[in-house]
Amino acid sequence: MRDGDAAGVELSLHTARKDGREVVRMRSVDEGGPCVIECEVYPLTGLRVEPLRPGPYRFANRSEADAFIKEAVLALTYLGCDVAHFGA
């Protein structure tokens, strides 16, 4: 996603689209115990080409990271986004 990405094994990738435009990309990475969620956010308003990159969000284990992803997907769905999941 960017220079300095978390090293490790990519577990999953989620993308959210609103009105046909990608608005969020979340990548889950296993670092051999701890897990990291990296995000890219593309605001619907404005002419921004480069995404915002909040985080990374670090969790003690995969279960905690999965719970974060689940909540984020639920929120994005409530906001009218179509969410796709790739990976395990």
C-alpha atoms as a PDB file:
ATOM      1  CA  MET A   1       0.000   0.000   0.000  1.00  0.00           C
ATOM      2  CA  ARG A   2       2.883   2.379   0.704  1.00  0.00           C
ATOM      3  CA  ASP A   3       6.552   2.479   1.557  1.00  0.00           C
ATOM      4  CA  GLY A   4       7.129   1.121   5.034  1.00  0.00           C
ATOM      5  CA  ASP A   5       4.179  -1.273   4.888  1.00  0.00           C
ATOM      6  CA  ALA A   6       4.027  -3.823   7.632  1.00  0.00           C
ATOM      7  CA  ALA A   7       6.274  -6.782   6.884  1.00  0.00           C
ATOM      8  CA  GLY A   8       4.542 -10.109   7.220  1.00  0.00           C
ATOM      9  CA  VAL A   9       1.862 -12.230   5.638  1.00  0.00           C
ATOM     10  CA  GLU A  10      -1.172 -10.526   4.142  1.00  0.00           C
ATOM     11  CA  LEU A  11      -4.269 -12.115   5.651  1.00  0.00           C
ATOM     12  CA  SER A  12      -6.982 -10.210   3.857  1.00  0.00           C
ATOM     13  CA  LEU A  13      -7.878  -7.160   1.853  1.00  0.00           C
ATOM     14  CA  HIS A  14     -11.199  -5.345   2.054  1.00  0.00           C
ATOM     15  CA  THR A  15     -12.288  -2.642  -0.352  1.00  0.00           C
ATOM     16  CA  ALA A  16     -15.325  -0.397  -0.047  1.00  0.00           C
ATOM     17  CA  ARG A  17     -16.969   1.390  -2.944  1.00  0.00           C
ATOM     18  CA  LYS A  18     -19.559   4.144  -2.863  1.00  0.00           C
ATOM     19  CA  ASP A  19     -21.302   5.245  -6.054  1.00  0.00           C
ATOM     20  CA  GLY A  20     -18.800   3.184  -8.054  1.00  0.00           C
ATOM     21  CA  ARG A  21     -15.710   4.826  -6.523  1.00  0.00           C
ATOM     22  CA  GLU A  22     -13.301   3.109  -4.180  1.00  0.00           C
ATOM     23  CA  VAL A  23     -13.422   4.955  -0.862  1.00  0.00           C
ATOM     24  CA  VAL A  24     -11.594   2.601   1.538  1.00  0.00           C
ATOM     25  CA  ARG A  25      -9.001  -0.143   1.299  1.00  0.00           C
ATOM     26  CA  MET A  26      -8.060  -2.111   4.441  1.00  0.00           C
ATOM     27  CA  ARG A  27      -5.208  -4.602   4.464  1.00  0.00           C
ATOM     28  CA  SER A  28      -4.700  -7.046   7.343  1.00  0.00           C
ATOM     29  CA  VAL A  29      -1.127  -8.285   7.907  1.00  0.00           C
ATOM     30  CA  ASP A  30       0.069 -10.993  10.310  1.00  0.00           C
ATOM     31  CA  GLU A  31       3.462 -10.069  11.766  1.00  0.00           C
ATOM     32  CA  GLY A  32       4.000 -13.455  13.447  1.00  0.00           C
ATOM     33  CA  GLY A  33       1.645 -12.866  16.363  1.00  0.00           C
ATOM     34  CA  PRO A  34       0.706  -9.208  16.342  1.00  0.00           C
ATOM     35  CA  CYS A  35      -1.494  -8.068  13.449  1.00  0.00           C
ATOM     36  CA  VAL A  36      -1.589  -4.717  11.680  1.00  0.00           C
ATOM     37  CA  ILE A  37      -4.423  -3.109   9.737  1.00  0.00           C
ATOM     38  CA  GLU A  38      -3.316  -0.610   7.100  1.00  0.00           C
ATOM     39  CA  CYS A  39      -5.923   1.711   5.608  1.00  0.00           C
ATOM     40  CA  GLU A  40      -6.238   3.974   2.623  1.00  0.00           C
ATOM     41  CA  VAL A  41      -9.170   6.379   2.509  1.00  0.00           C
ATOM     42  CA  TYR A  42     -10.250   8.193  -0.639  1.00  0.00           C
ATOM     43  CA  PRO A  43     -12.653  11.026   0.314  1.00  0.00           C
ATOM     44  CA  LEU A  44     -15.693  11.404  -1.937  1.00  0.00           C
ATOM     45  CA  THR A  45     -15.440  15.171  -1.817  1.00  0.00           C
ATOM     46  CA  GLY A  46     -12.614  17.169  -3.297  1.00  0.00           C
ATOM     47  CA  LEU A  47     -10.083  16.417  -5.980  1.00  0.00           C
ATOM     48  CA  ARG A  48      -7.626  14.482  -3.825  1.00  0.00           C
ATOM     49  CA  VAL A  49      -5.723  11.862  -5.825  1.00  0.00           C
ATOM     50  CA  GLU A  50      -3.515  10.506  -3.041  1.00  0.00           C
ATOM     51  CA  PRO A  51      -5.380   8.651  -0.303  1.00  0.00           C
ATOM     52  CA  LEU A  52      -5.410   9.560   3.356  1.00  0.00           C
ATOM     53  CA  ARG A  53      -3.580   6.911   5.385  1.00  0.00           C
ATOM     54  CA  PRO A  54      -4.826   6.731   8.960  1.00  0.00           C
ATOM     55  CA  GLY A  55      -3.088   4.239  11.221  1.00  0.00           C
ATOM     56  CA  PRO A  56      -1.565   1.720  10.977  1.00  0.00           C
ATOM     57  CA  TYR A  57      -3.699   0.048  13.628  1.00  0.00           C
ATOM     58  CA  ARG A  58      -1.800  -2.554  15.655  1.00  0.00           C
ATOM     59  CA  PHE A  59      -3.416  -5.432  17.526  1.00  0.00           C
ATOM     60  CA  ALA A  60      -2.007  -8.110  19.819  1.00  0.00           C
ATOM     61  CA  ASN A  61      -3.449 -10.921  17.699  1.00  0.00           C
ATOM     62  CA  ARG A  62      -5.513 -11.803  14.653  1.00  0.00           C
ATOM     63  CA  SER A  63      -8.738 -12.097  16.623  1.00  0.00           C
ATOM     64  CA  GLU A  64      -8.533  -8.458  17.734  1.00  0.00           C
ATOM     65  CA  ALA A  65      -7.663  -7.326  14.196  1.00  0.00           C
ATOM     66  CA  ASP A  66     -10.569  -9.323  12.758  1.00  0.00           C
ATOM     67  CA  ALA A  67     -12.954  -7.667  15.242  1.00  0.00           C
ATOM     68  CA  PHE A  68     -11.726  -4.226  14.090  1.00  0.00           C
ATOM     69  CA  ILE A  69     -12.262  -5.167  10.427  1.00  0.00           C
ATOM     70  CA  LYS A  70     -15.729  -6.555  11.202  1.00  0.00           C
ATOM     71  CA  GLU A  71     -16.789  -3.296  12.882  1.00  0.00           C
ATOM     72  CA  ALA A  72     -15.334  -1.180  10.069  1.00  0.00           C
ATOM     73  CA  VAL A  73     -17.119  -3.265   7.410  1.00  0.00           C
ATOM     74  CA  LEU A  74     -20.391  -2.952   9.326  1.00  0.00           C
ATOM     75  CA  ALA A  75     -20.026   0.844   9.533  1.00  0.00           C
ATOM     76  CA  LEU A  76     -19.155   1.123   5.842  1.00  0.00           C
ATOM     77  CA  THR A  77     -22.160  -1.024   4.932  1.00  0.00           C
ATOM     78  CA  TYR A  78     -24.471   1.182   7.029  1.00  0.00           C
ATOM     79  CA  LEU A  79     -23.060   4.175   5.128  1.00  0.00           C
ATOM     80  CA  GLY A  80     -24.138   2.602   1.839  1.00  0.00           C
ATOM     81  CA  CYS A  81     -20.826   1.195   0.655  1.00  0.00           C
ATOM     82  CA  ASP A  82     -20.379  -2.059  -1.224  1.00  0.00           C
ATOM     83  CA  VAL A  83     -17.627  -3.991   0.559  1.00  0.00           C
ATOM     84  CA  ALA A  84     -15.579  -6.742  -1.088  1.00  0.00           C
ATOM     85  CA  HIS A  85     -13.301  -9.174   0.759  1.00  0.00           C
ATOM     86  CA  PHE A  86     -10.226 -10.869  -0.702  1.00  0.00           C
ATOM     87  CA  GLY A  87      -8.052 -13.399   1.077  1.00  0.00           C
ATOM     88  CA  ALA A  88      -8.514 -15.701   4.040  1.00  0.00           C
END
